[in-house]
Each structure stands twice: as structure tokens, then as C-alpha cells.
Amino acid sequence: MISSMPDFALLGSLVDQGDVLDRLSTVQSLTPSQFNLIYNAFSFAIATMFASALFFFNARSEVGSKYRLALLVSGLVVSIAGYHYFRIFNSWDAAYSLQNGAYTLTGAPFNDAYRYVDWLLTVPLLLVETVAVLALTGKEARPLLIKLVIASVVMIATGYPGEISDNITTRIIWGTVSTIPFVYILYVLWIELSKSLVRQPAAVQTLVRNMRLLLLFSWGVYPIAYLLPMLGITGTTASIGVQLGYTVADVLAKPIFGLLVFAIALTKTRVDQENSGLPIELGYAPEIDGIPAPVQS
């Protein structure tokens, strides 16, 4: 029987048979605890995104002028994500109603597409945020961002057909294609962050190392969630796991990552101020590599 087969054997069997996945939009019923788990996770994500947006926008005045772009982008990322989680939350709530002690489908589909619209906007901005806080020169930053943004768009665009497909073979094919730019982005970011360590003040180096680890950990949750239905985990369990996994990954990759960006920007501001002897918070900023930083008017 299939249920007694190992995960990889089960995967091969499903591919051969072309079996259909049980997606969230087709799960017929959920227990109250299952429904509320995702309901509360979405609610938590909304609160986290909007609260962190207020923090990032207000915290811009706490850092030097050349790091303020990073915090502006951080605020934009979580604002966009908060809006989309609000839409996801409403879609989830509308898709199910409590009937006889169980949540059953109302006929309104749960819209998974909101996530990919969100990622299409926020992932390129996250890359801008990462590069901005390193305060690279324009000559270094521009070609790097072009490569990373193009790769991120390809990654999201190729992952979406697999995400919405009910056929596991289609999910595997598009997931594999999407993995190529995914690995490329992580590789480039890891290399660039590692190279930047030698140029960072000692107080910042530990934070940059932590940024590398958080990138790997948070981005690593996404493919795990995507793979759940292909590892012998099906039906309601897979559906709940996918939504919970994506939500946890988004919270780590956006507000938590943004807080680390703020910590780096604040620490670098203080180091710059100590080195220059000028009050950066009043609009003065030191030169970096011979290039004057913009002065806040």
C-alpha cells in the first residue's frame, strides 16, 4: 500500500500516477483548532507587519543619512506585506464557515495568489534593503541589484505555476526551475555579505554574520513549506503546513530581518560619528571611501 511506502518511494509513485494534491482551496473541512491556527497566524502576521512599519518609518531619524534608504525600504516591505496579509486573512475567513462543529467550505475560494503578488513586490525590495544597509558605492550596488532583482522575478514567476497546480508532477517541475534562481540569489548574497565583512567596523561584523544566517534560515523555510505535499504529507496536514510555513518565513524575512537591518544601520551610524567627530543626527555624515555622504537638509 502507498501509505506504507517511504517518502521518496511515495513521491515517485505519485509522479507516475499523476495523483492530485489536496490544496487548501479543496480541503472540505477543518477542525476549529486547525482553522484557528491559521486564522491566528495570519492575524499575528498583520499586527507584526504594520507595527514594524511604524517603527521603521519613525526610526529613520535615528540613523545616518546614507542608511535611511534601507529603513525606508524596510518600512515599505512590511507595509506591502501587511496589506496582502490582510487580504489573505479575509479570504481565509470567507472560505470557511462553522457548521456542526467543523469549518466547511462556503464556496468562496481561498486565494493563494495574494502571496505571490506580495513576493513579486517585496522580494526585490528586500534585496534593495540588504544592499542599501551595506552602503556600497553606486558602481558596486547597481549591477549587483540588477542581477538579484531579475533573478528574484524569475524565481517567483516560475514558482507560481507549481504552487497553484493540483498536479504533483507540475509542482515538482516548476519548483525545480524556481530553485535555480533561488540558490543563485542566496549564493550571491552570502558572497557579497562575506566580502563586506572586511570593510565593516568590528562592531558591525557580528551583525552582518547574523544577517547571513538569518537569510539562510528564513529563506530556507519557503522551499520546505513548498515541498510538504511532495514528501508524503497530504490533505489538511499539508495545507496547514504550507500556510503556516509561509507565514513564519515571511515574519522572519521581513520584520525580523528589518530589525537586524536597523541594528546594523544604527551601529554604523554611531561608528561613523565616532570616527568623524561630527553630529550625524544633525545632518552631518562622514566620507566613505572618499565619497561624501549626502547631507540631510
C-alpha atoms as a PDB file:
ATOM      1  CA  MET A   1       0.000   0.000   0.000  1.00  0.00           C
ATOM      2  CA  ILE A   2       1.168   3.542  -0.721  1.00  0.00           C
ATOM      3  CA  SER A   3       0.723   4.612   2.886  1.00  0.00           C
ATOM      4  CA  SER A   4       3.397   2.150   3.999  1.00  0.00           C
ATOM      5  CA  MET A   5       5.991   3.292   1.468  1.00  0.00           C
ATOM      6  CA  PRO A   6       8.908   5.602   2.372  1.00  0.00           C
ATOM      7  CA  ASP A   7       8.512   9.253   1.459  1.00  0.00           C
ATOM      8  CA  PHE A   8      10.680   9.157  -1.668  1.00  0.00           C
ATOM      9  CA  ALA A   9       9.039   5.989  -2.922  1.00  0.00           C
ATOM     10  CA  LEU A  10       5.684   7.625  -2.327  1.00  0.00           C
ATOM     11  CA  LEU A  11       6.843  10.671  -4.277  1.00  0.00           C
ATOM     12  CA  GLY A  12       7.819   8.507  -7.236  1.00  0.00           C
ATOM     13  CA  SER A  13       4.519   6.650  -7.094  1.00  0.00           C
ATOM     14  CA  LEU A  14       2.551   9.886  -7.080  1.00  0.00           C
ATOM     15  CA  VAL A  15       4.511  11.240 -10.029  1.00  0.00           C
ATOM     16  CA  ASP A  16       3.924   8.057 -12.017  1.00  0.00           C
ATOM     17  CA  GLN A  17       0.227   8.043 -11.260  1.00  0.00           C
ATOM     18  CA  GLY A  18      -0.231  11.794 -11.730  1.00  0.00           C
ATOM     19  CA  ASP A  19      -2.187  11.952  -8.471  1.00  0.00           C
ATOM     20  CA  VAL A  20      -3.833  15.206  -7.494  1.00  0.00           C
ATOM     21  CA  LEU A  21      -2.739  17.158  -4.436  1.00  0.00           C
ATOM     22  CA  ASP A  22      -5.203  18.232  -1.789  1.00  0.00           C
ATOM     23  CA  ARG A  23      -4.774  22.003  -1.850  1.00  0.00           C
ATOM     24  CA  LEU A  24      -6.125  24.431   0.716  1.00  0.00           C
ATOM     25  CA  SER A  25      -8.825  25.560  -1.679  1.00  0.00           C
ATOM     26  CA  THR A  26     -10.118  21.973  -1.962  1.00  0.00           C
ATOM     27  CA  VAL A  27      -9.902  20.866   1.695  1.00  0.00           C
ATOM     28  CA  GLN A  28     -13.519  20.156   2.513  1.00  0.00           C
ATOM     29  CA  SER A  29     -13.441  20.652   6.279  1.00  0.00           C
ATOM     30  CA  LEU A  30     -11.199  21.765   9.124  1.00  0.00           C
ATOM     31  CA  THR A  31     -11.466  21.300  12.847  1.00  0.00           C
ATOM     32  CA  PRO A  32     -11.871  24.516  14.865  1.00  0.00           C
ATOM     33  CA  SER A  33      -8.286  24.188  16.130  1.00  0.00           C
ATOM     34  CA  GLN A  34      -6.926  23.816  12.577  1.00  0.00           C
ATOM     35  CA  PHE A  35      -8.911  26.768  11.277  1.00  0.00           C
ATOM     36  CA  ASN A  36      -7.986  28.961  14.254  1.00  0.00           C
ATOM     37  CA  LEU A  37      -4.287  28.079  13.993  1.00  0.00           C
ATOM     38  CA  ILE A  38      -4.064  29.633  10.528  1.00  0.00           C
ATOM     39  CA  TYR A  39      -6.555  32.389  11.397  1.00  0.00           C
ATOM     40  CA  ASN A  40      -4.415  33.464  14.355  1.00  0.00           C
ATOM     41  CA  ALA A  41      -1.167  33.104  12.388  1.00  0.00           C
ATOM     42  CA  PHE A  42      -2.490  35.477   9.718  1.00  0.00           C
ATOM     43  CA  SER A  43      -3.717  37.876  12.412  1.00  0.00           C
ATOM     44  CA  PHE A  44      -0.299  37.819  14.096  1.00  0.00           C
ATOM     45  CA  ALA A  45       1.408  38.498  10.760  1.00  0.00           C
ATOM     46  CA  ILE A  46      -0.831  41.514  10.097  1.00  0.00           C
ATOM     47  CA  ALA A  47      -0.094  43.031  13.509  1.00  0.00           C
ATOM     48  CA  THR A  48       3.628  42.338  13.186  1.00  0.00           C
ATOM     49  CA  MET A  49       3.899  43.843   9.704  1.00  0.00           C
ATOM     50  CA  PHE A  50       2.031  47.067  10.453  1.00  0.00           C
ATOM     51  CA  ALA A  51       3.660  47.594  13.864  1.00  0.00           C
ATOM     52  CA  SER A  52       7.126  47.157  12.376  1.00  0.00           C
ATOM     53  CA  ALA A  53       6.220  49.536   9.525  1.00  0.00           C
ATOM     54  CA  LEU A  54       5.504  52.297  12.042  1.00  0.00           C
ATOM     55  CA  PHE A  55       8.773  51.542  13.799  1.00  0.00           C
ATOM     56  CA  PHE A  56      10.922  51.561  10.646  1.00  0.00           C
ATOM     57  CA  PHE A  57       9.462  54.808   9.306  1.00  0.00           C
ATOM     58  CA  ASN A  58       9.950  56.551  12.662  1.00  0.00           C
ATOM     59  CA  ALA A  59      13.432  55.076  13.204  1.00  0.00           C
ATOM     60  CA  ARG A  60      14.845  56.699  10.057  1.00  0.00           C
ATOM     61  CA  SER A  61      15.736  59.795  12.072  1.00  0.00           C
ATOM     62  CA  GLU A  62      17.910  57.665  14.366  1.00  0.00           C
ATOM     63  CA  VAL A  63      20.425  56.674  11.679  1.00  0.00           C
ATOM     64  CA  GLY A  64      22.831  58.474   9.372  1.00  0.00           C
ATOM     65  CA  SER A  65      21.520  59.846   6.093  1.00  0.00           C
ATOM     66  CA  LYS A  66      23.168  57.212   3.920  1.00  0.00           C
ATOM     67  CA  TYR A  67      21.417  54.401   5.821  1.00  0.00           C
ATOM     68  CA  ARG A  68      17.930  55.920   5.764  1.00  0.00           C
ATOM     69  CA  LEU A  69      17.089  54.377   2.407  1.00  0.00           C
ATOM     70  CA  ALA A  70      17.462  50.925   3.979  1.00  0.00           C
ATOM     71  CA  LEU A  71      14.914  51.763   6.688  1.00  0.00           C
ATOM     72  CA  LEU A  72      12.566  53.399   4.196  1.00  0.00           C
ATOM     73  CA  VAL A  73      12.616  50.218   2.116  1.00  0.00           C
ATOM     74  CA  SER A  74      12.155  48.115   5.273  1.00  0.00           C
ATOM     75  CA  GLY A  75       9.023  50.102   6.059  1.00  0.00           C
ATOM     76  CA  LEU A  76       7.713  49.689   2.518  1.00  0.00           C
ATOM     77  CA  VAL A  77       8.327  45.925   2.585  1.00  0.00           C
ATOM     78  CA  VAL A  78       6.343  45.308   5.763  1.00  0.00           C
ATOM     79  CA  SER A  79       3.596  47.757   4.726  1.00  0.00           C
ATOM     80  CA  ILE A  80       3.048  45.887   1.463  1.00  0.00           C
ATOM     81  CA  ALA A  81       3.182  42.552   3.275  1.00  0.00           C
ATOM     82  CA  GLY A  82       0.729  43.776   5.919  1.00  0.00           C
ATOM     83  CA  TYR A  83      -1.777  44.772   3.244  1.00  0.00           C
ATOM     84  CA  HIS A  84      -1.526  41.414   1.499  1.00  0.00           C
ATOM     85  CA  TYR A  85      -1.843  39.507   4.778  1.00  0.00           C
ATOM     86  CA  PHE A  86      -4.995  41.485   5.469  1.00  0.00           C
ATOM     87  CA  ARG A  87      -6.357  40.291   2.120  1.00  0.00           C
ATOM     88  CA  ILE A  88      -5.217  36.701   2.793  1.00  0.00           C
ATOM     89  CA  PHE A  89      -6.844  36.836   6.241  1.00  0.00           C
ATOM     90  CA  ASN A  90     -10.163  37.994   4.775  1.00  0.00           C
ATOM     91  CA  SER A  91     -10.004  35.370   2.027  1.00  0.00           C
ATOM     92  CA  TRP A  92      -9.377  32.615   4.586  1.00  0.00           C
ATOM     93  CA  ASP A  93     -12.238  33.807   6.774  1.00  0.00           C
ATOM     94  CA  ALA A  94     -14.607  33.935   3.791  1.00  0.00           C
ATOM     95  CA  ALA A  95     -13.629  30.474   2.517  1.00  0.00           C
ATOM     96  CA  TYR A  96     -14.903  28.587   5.584  1.00  0.00           C
ATOM     97  CA  SER A  97     -17.876  28.748   7.932  1.00  0.00           C
ATOM     98  CA  LEU A  98     -18.588  26.864  11.148  1.00  0.00           C
ATOM     99  CA  GLN A  99     -21.178  24.142  10.595  1.00  0.00           C
ATOM    100  CA  ASN A 100     -21.955  21.420  13.139  1.00  0.00           C
ATOM    101  CA  GLY A 101     -18.661  21.842  14.966  1.00  0.00           C
ATOM    102  CA  ALA A 102     -16.437  21.890  11.856  1.00  0.00           C
ATOM    103  CA  TYR A 103     -15.337  24.567   9.410  1.00  0.00           C
ATOM    104  CA  THR A 104     -16.580  23.695   5.927  1.00  0.00           C
ATOM    105  CA  LEU A 105     -16.189  25.384   2.557  1.00  0.00           C
ATOM    106  CA  THR A 106     -18.548  28.248   1.823  1.00  0.00           C
ATOM    107  CA  GLY A 107     -17.927  28.175  -1.923  1.00  0.00           C
ATOM    108  CA  ALA A 108     -15.714  31.265  -1.850  1.00  0.00           C
ATOM    109  CA  PRO A 109     -12.205  30.146  -2.906  1.00  0.00           C
ATOM    110  CA  PHE A 110      -9.202  30.778  -0.701  1.00  0.00           C
ATOM    111  CA  ASN A 111      -6.906  32.978  -2.791  1.00  0.00           C
ATOM    112  CA  ASP A 112      -3.272  31.819  -2.664  1.00  0.00           C
ATOM    113  CA  ALA A 113      -2.280  34.306  -5.365  1.00  0.00           C
ATOM    114  CA  TYR A 114      -2.006  37.150  -2.835  1.00  0.00           C
ATOM    115  CA  ARG A 115       1.237  35.630  -1.560  1.00  0.00           C
ATOM    116  CA  TYR A 116       2.902  35.646  -4.954  1.00  0.00           C
ATOM    117  CA  VAL A 117       1.772  39.190  -5.711  1.00  0.00           C
ATOM    118  CA  ASP A 118       3.269  40.163  -2.358  1.00  0.00           C
ATOM    119  CA  TRP A 119       6.544  38.344  -3.019  1.00  0.00           C
ATOM    120  CA  LEU A 120       6.801  39.848  -6.501  1.00  0.00           C
ATOM    121  CA  LEU A 121       6.844  43.284  -4.857  1.00  0.00           C
ATOM    122  CA  THR A 122       8.625  42.643  -1.571  1.00  0.00           C
ATOM    123  CA  VAL A 123      11.445  40.261  -2.515  1.00  0.00           C
ATOM    124  CA  PRO A 124      13.138  42.765  -4.880  1.00  0.00           C
ATOM    125  CA  LEU A 125      12.706  45.416  -2.171  1.00  0.00           C
ATOM    126  CA  LEU A 126      14.276  43.091   0.410  1.00  0.00           C
ATOM    127  CA  LEU A 127      17.290  42.790  -1.863  1.00  0.00           C
ATOM    128  CA  VAL A 128      17.478  46.591  -2.176  1.00  0.00           C
ATOM    129  CA  GLU A 129      17.211  46.823   1.618  1.00  0.00           C
ATOM    130  CA  THR A 130      20.101  44.393   2.097  1.00  0.00           C
ATOM    131  CA  VAL A 131      22.391  46.169  -0.354  1.00  0.00           C
ATOM    132  CA  ALA A 132      21.409  49.629   0.930  1.00  0.00           C
ATOM    133  CA  VAL A 133      22.428  48.971   4.529  1.00  0.00           C
ATOM    134  CA  LEU A 134      25.898  47.908   3.369  1.00  0.00           C
ATOM    135  CA  ALA A 135      26.294  51.422   1.888  1.00  0.00           C
ATOM    136  CA  LEU A 136      28.080  50.148  -1.215  1.00  0.00           C
ATOM    137  CA  THR A 137      29.138  52.645  -3.856  1.00  0.00           C
ATOM    138  CA  GLY A 138      26.810  53.115  -6.810  1.00  0.00           C
ATOM    139  CA  LYS A 139      29.313  51.368  -9.068  1.00  0.00           C
ATOM    140  CA  GLU A 140      29.136  48.264  -6.856  1.00  0.00           C
ATOM    141  CA  ALA A 141      25.467  48.332  -5.914  1.00  0.00           C
ATOM    142  CA  ARG A 142      23.798  48.958  -9.282  1.00  0.00           C
ATOM    143  CA  PRO A 143      24.953  45.859 -11.230  1.00  0.00           C
ATOM    144  CA  LEU A 144      24.503  43.701  -8.141  1.00  0.00           C
ATOM    145  CA  LEU A 145      20.901  44.818  -7.690  1.00  0.00           C
ATOM    146  CA  ILE A 146      20.069  44.360 -11.367  1.00  0.00           C
ATOM    147  CA  LYS A 147      21.222  40.734 -11.249  1.00  0.00           C
ATOM    148  CA  LEU A 148      19.455  39.982  -7.973  1.00  0.00           C
ATOM    149  CA  VAL A 149      16.152  41.647  -8.882  1.00  0.00           C
ATOM    150  CA  ILE A 150      15.959  39.848 -12.238  1.00  0.00           C
ATOM    151  CA  ALA A 151      16.695  36.531 -10.519  1.00  0.00           C
ATOM    152  CA  SER A 152      14.018  37.195  -7.878  1.00  0.00           C
ATOM    153  CA  VAL A 153      11.351  37.919 -10.501  1.00  0.00           C
ATOM    154  CA  VAL A 154      12.250  34.716 -12.369  1.00  0.00           C
ATOM    155  CA  MET A 155      12.172  32.746  -9.099  1.00  0.00           C
ATOM    156  CA  ILE A 156       8.688  33.950  -8.153  1.00  0.00           C
ATOM    157  CA  ALA A 157       7.238  33.763 -11.665  1.00  0.00           C
ATOM    158  CA  THR A 158       8.370  30.159 -12.133  1.00  0.00           C
ATOM    159  CA  GLY A 159       7.309  29.070  -8.647  1.00  0.00           C
ATOM    160  CA  TYR A 160       3.726  30.268  -9.042  1.00  0.00           C
ATOM    161  CA  PRO A 161       2.563  27.722 -11.680  1.00  0.00           C
ATOM    162  CA  GLY A 162       3.656  24.901  -9.384  1.00  0.00           C
ATOM    163  CA  GLU A 163       2.041  26.494  -6.338  1.00  0.00           C
ATOM    164  CA  ILE A 164      -1.408  26.719  -7.913  1.00  0.00           C
ATOM    165  CA  SER A 165      -1.261  23.365  -9.685  1.00  0.00           C
ATOM    166  CA  ASP A 166      -3.166  20.362  -8.338  1.00  0.00           C
ATOM    167  CA  ASN A 167      -0.797  18.002 -10.146  1.00  0.00           C
ATOM    168  CA  ILE A 168       2.273  16.962  -8.210  1.00  0.00           C
ATOM    169  CA  THR A 169       4.367  16.449 -11.359  1.00  0.00           C
ATOM    170  CA  THR A 170       3.732  20.054 -12.381  1.00  0.00           C
ATOM    171  CA  ARG A 171       4.603  21.193  -8.869  1.00  0.00           C
ATOM    172  CA  ILE A 172       7.921  19.321  -8.980  1.00  0.00           C
ATOM    173  CA  ILE A 173       8.888  20.662 -12.416  1.00  0.00           C
ATOM    174  CA  TRP A 174       8.185  24.320 -11.662  1.00  0.00           C
ATOM    175  CA  GLY A 175       9.586  24.015  -8.150  1.00  0.00           C
ATOM    176  CA  THR A 176      12.851  22.709  -9.595  1.00  0.00           C
ATOM    177  CA  VAL A 177      13.032  25.534 -12.136  1.00  0.00           C
ATOM    178  CA  SER A 178      12.332  28.108  -9.420  1.00  0.00           C
ATOM    179  CA  THR A 179      15.078  26.647  -7.234  1.00  0.00           C
ATOM    180  CA  ILE A 180      17.799  27.695  -9.704  1.00  0.00           C
ATOM    181  CA  PRO A 181      17.402  31.489  -9.234  1.00  0.00           C
ATOM    182  CA  PHE A 182      16.626  30.869  -5.538  1.00  0.00           C
ATOM    183  CA  VAL A 183      20.015  29.227  -4.970  1.00  0.00           C
ATOM    184  CA  TYR A 184      21.721  31.872  -7.130  1.00  0.00           C
ATOM    185  CA  ILE A 185      20.297  34.723  -5.012  1.00  0.00           C
ATOM    186  CA  LEU A 186      21.350  33.130  -1.732  1.00  0.00           C
ATOM    187  CA  TYR A 187      24.815  32.356  -3.114  1.00  0.00           C
ATOM    188  CA  VAL A 188      25.383  35.924  -4.331  1.00  0.00           C
ATOM    189  CA  LEU A 189      24.095  37.455  -1.093  1.00  0.00           C
ATOM    190  CA  TRP A 190      26.245  35.142   1.016  1.00  0.00           C
ATOM    191  CA  ILE A 191      29.343  36.017  -1.033  1.00  0.00           C
ATOM    192  CA  GLU A 192      28.642  39.762  -1.026  1.00  0.00           C
ATOM    193  CA  LEU A 193      27.912  39.856   2.697  1.00  0.00           C
ATOM    194  CA  SER A 194      31.080  37.845   3.358  1.00  0.00           C
ATOM    195  CA  LYS A 195      33.147  40.225   1.207  1.00  0.00           C
ATOM    196  CA  SER A 196      31.675  43.214   3.012  1.00  0.00           C
ATOM    197  CA  LEU A 197      32.856  41.916   6.397  1.00  0.00           C
ATOM    198  CA  VAL A 198      36.405  43.168   5.867  1.00  0.00           C
ATOM    199  CA  ARG A 199      35.078  46.675   5.194  1.00  0.00           C
ATOM    200  CA  GLN A 200      32.749  46.753   8.191  1.00  0.00           C
ATOM    201  CA  PRO A 201      33.631  48.131  11.624  1.00  0.00           C
ATOM    202  CA  ALA A 202      34.316  45.449  14.217  1.00  0.00           C
ATOM    203  CA  ALA A 203      31.047  46.244  15.988  1.00  0.00           C
ATOM    204  CA  VAL A 204      29.109  45.592  12.773  1.00  0.00           C
ATOM    205  CA  GLN A 205      30.798  42.373  11.691  1.00  0.00           C
ATOM    206  CA  THR A 206      28.859  40.179  14.123  1.00  0.00           C
ATOM    207  CA  LEU A 207      25.581  41.729  12.957  1.00  0.00           C
ATOM    208  CA  VAL A 208      26.447  41.081   9.302  1.00  0.00           C
ATOM    209  CA  ARG A 209      27.308  37.464  10.126  1.00  0.00           C
ATOM    210  CA  ASN A 210      23.933  37.141  11.844  1.00  0.00           C
ATOM    211  CA  MET A 211      22.296  38.672   8.768  1.00  0.00           C
ATOM    212  CA  ARG A 212      23.800  35.930   6.595  1.00  0.00           C
ATOM    213  CA  LEU A 213      22.484  33.234   8.921  1.00  0.00           C
ATOM    214  CA  LEU A 214      19.022  34.798   9.137  1.00  0.00           C
ATOM    215  CA  LEU A 215      18.862  34.989   5.336  1.00  0.00           C
ATOM    216  CA  LEU A 216      19.671  31.299   5.023  1.00  0.00           C
ATOM    217  CA  PHE A 217      17.270  30.263   7.776  1.00  0.00           C
ATOM    218  CA  SER A 218      14.286  32.422   6.797  1.00  0.00           C
ATOM    219  CA  TRP A 219      14.594  31.815   3.056  1.00  0.00           C
ATOM    220  CA  GLY A 220      15.135  28.117   3.744  1.00  0.00           C
ATOM    221  CA  VAL A 221      11.669  27.807   5.292  1.00  0.00           C
ATOM    222  CA  TYR A 222       9.960  28.665   1.979  1.00  0.00           C
ATOM    223  CA  PRO A 223      11.113  25.599  -0.008  1.00  0.00           C
ATOM    224  CA  ILE A 224      10.404  23.349   2.984  1.00  0.00           C
ATOM    225  CA  ALA A 225       6.792  24.558   3.042  1.00  0.00           C
ATOM    226  CA  TYR A 226       6.565  24.213  -0.747  1.00  0.00           C
ATOM    227  CA  LEU A 227       7.858  20.623  -0.570  1.00  0.00           C
ATOM    228  CA  LEU A 228       5.467  19.365   2.118  1.00  0.00           C
ATOM    229  CA  PRO A 229       2.845  17.961  -0.288  1.00  0.00           C
ATOM    230  CA  MET A 230       5.620  16.161  -2.194  1.00  0.00           C
ATOM    231  CA  LEU A 231       7.006  14.380   0.872  1.00  0.00           C
ATOM    232  CA  GLY A 232       4.044  12.158   1.616  1.00  0.00           C
ATOM    233  CA  ILE A 233       2.309  14.839   3.708  1.00  0.00           C
ATOM    234  CA  THR A 234      -1.090  15.345   2.118  1.00  0.00           C
ATOM    235  CA  GLY A 235      -4.567  16.672   2.720  1.00  0.00           C
ATOM    236  CA  THR A 236      -5.289  19.027   5.592  1.00  0.00           C
ATOM    237  CA  THR A 237      -1.902  18.484   7.238  1.00  0.00           C
ATOM    238  CA  ALA A 238      -0.042  19.604   4.112  1.00  0.00           C
ATOM    239  CA  SER A 239      -2.357  22.548   3.564  1.00  0.00           C
ATOM    240  CA  ILE A 240      -2.000  23.805   7.128  1.00  0.00           C
ATOM    241  CA  GLY A 241       1.762  23.234   6.998  1.00  0.00           C
ATOM    242  CA  VAL A 242       2.162  25.222   3.772  1.00  0.00           C
ATOM    243  CA  GLN A 243       0.258  28.248   5.073  1.00  0.00           C
ATOM    244  CA  LEU A 244       1.903  28.186   8.493  1.00  0.00           C
ATOM    245  CA  GLY A 245       5.372  27.701   6.982  1.00  0.00           C
ATOM    246  CA  TYR A 246       5.000  30.596   4.552  1.00  0.00           C
ATOM    247  CA  THR A 247       3.695  32.860   7.319  1.00  0.00           C
ATOM    248  CA  VAL A 248       6.572  32.055   9.687  1.00  0.00           C
ATOM    249  CA  ALA A 249       9.064  32.598   6.857  1.00  0.00           C
ATOM    250  CA  ASP A 250       7.514  35.971   5.977  1.00  0.00           C
ATOM    251  CA  VAL A 251       7.705  37.196   9.578  1.00  0.00           C
ATOM    252  CA  LEU A 252      11.362  36.166   9.799  1.00  0.00           C
ATOM    253  CA  ALA A 253      12.322  37.540   6.379  1.00  0.00           C
ATOM    254  CA  LYS A 254      10.561  40.904   6.697  1.00  0.00           C
ATOM    255  CA  PRO A 255      10.057  42.469  10.162  1.00  0.00           C
ATOM    256  CA  ILE A 256      12.738  40.411  11.944  1.00  0.00           C
ATOM    257  CA  PHE A 257      15.213  40.923   9.109  1.00  0.00           C
ATOM    258  CA  GLY A 258      14.293  44.615   9.092  1.00  0.00           C
ATOM    259  CA  LEU A 259      15.134  44.892  12.788  1.00  0.00           C
ATOM    260  CA  LEU A 260      18.569  43.461  12.049  1.00  0.00           C
ATOM    261  CA  VAL A 261      18.984  45.988   9.231  1.00  0.00           C
ATOM    262  CA  PHE A 262      18.084  48.744  11.703  1.00  0.00           C
ATOM    263  CA  ALA A 263      20.634  47.431  14.213  1.00  0.00           C
ATOM    264  CA  ILE A 264      23.349  47.474  11.536  1.00  0.00           C
ATOM    265  CA  ALA A 265      22.395  50.974  10.373  1.00  0.00           C
ATOM    266  CA  LEU A 266      22.327  52.320  13.932  1.00  0.00           C
ATOM    267  CA  THR A 267      25.668  50.742  14.836  1.00  0.00           C
ATOM    268  CA  LYS A 268      27.335  52.009  11.655  1.00  0.00           C
ATOM    269  CA  THR A 269      25.928  55.481  12.311  1.00  0.00           C
ATOM    270  CA  ARG A 270      27.480  55.545  15.777  1.00  0.00           C
ATOM    271  CA  VAL A 271      30.813  54.294  14.445  1.00  0.00           C
ATOM    272  CA  ASP A 272      30.770  56.914  11.682  1.00  0.00           C
ATOM    273  CA  GLN A 273      30.004  59.595  14.244  1.00  0.00           C
ATOM    274  CA  GLU A 274      32.854  58.499  16.489  1.00  0.00           C
ATOM    275  CA  ASN A 275      35.280  58.448  13.560  1.00  0.00           C
ATOM    276  CA  SER A 276      34.238  61.839  12.211  1.00  0.00           C
ATOM    277  CA  GLY A 277      33.547  63.671  15.439  1.00  0.00           C
ATOM    278  CA  LEU A 278      30.513  65.263  13.768  1.00  0.00           C
ATOM    279  CA  PRO A 279      26.887  65.016  14.959  1.00  0.00           C
ATOM    280  CA  ILE A 280      25.402  62.848  12.233  1.00  0.00           C
ATOM    281  CA  GLU A 281      21.921  63.114  13.687  1.00  0.00           C
ATOM    282  CA  LEU A 282      22.029  66.866  12.944  1.00  0.00           C
ATOM    283  CA  GLY A 283      22.674  66.274   9.277  1.00  0.00           C
ATOM    284  CA  TYR A 284      26.407  65.664   9.050  1.00  0.00           C
ATOM    285  CA  ALA A 285      27.886  62.454   7.704  1.00  0.00           C
ATOM    286  CA  PRO A 286      31.497  61.358   7.162  1.00  0.00           C
ATOM    287  CA  GLU A 287      33.062  60.402   3.870  1.00  0.00           C
ATOM    288  CA  ILE A 288      33.249  56.715   3.000  1.00  0.00           C
ATOM    289  CA  ASP A 289      35.962  55.620   0.589  1.00  0.00           C
ATOM    290  CA  GLY A 290      36.466  59.241  -0.408  1.00  0.00           C
ATOM    291  CA  ILE A 291      32.831  59.724  -1.451  1.00  0.00           C
ATOM    292  CA  PRO A 292      30.941  62.344   0.575  1.00  0.00           C
ATOM    293  CA  ALA A 293      27.693  61.024   2.013  1.00  0.00           C
ATOM    294  CA  PRO A 294      24.551  63.056   1.260  1.00  0.00           C
ATOM    295  CA  VAL A 295      23.788  65.690   3.867  1.00  0.00           C
ATOM    296  CA  GLN A 296      20.304  65.816   5.321  1.00  0.00           C
ATOM    297  CA  SER A 297      18.775  69.229   4.804  1.00  0.00           C
END
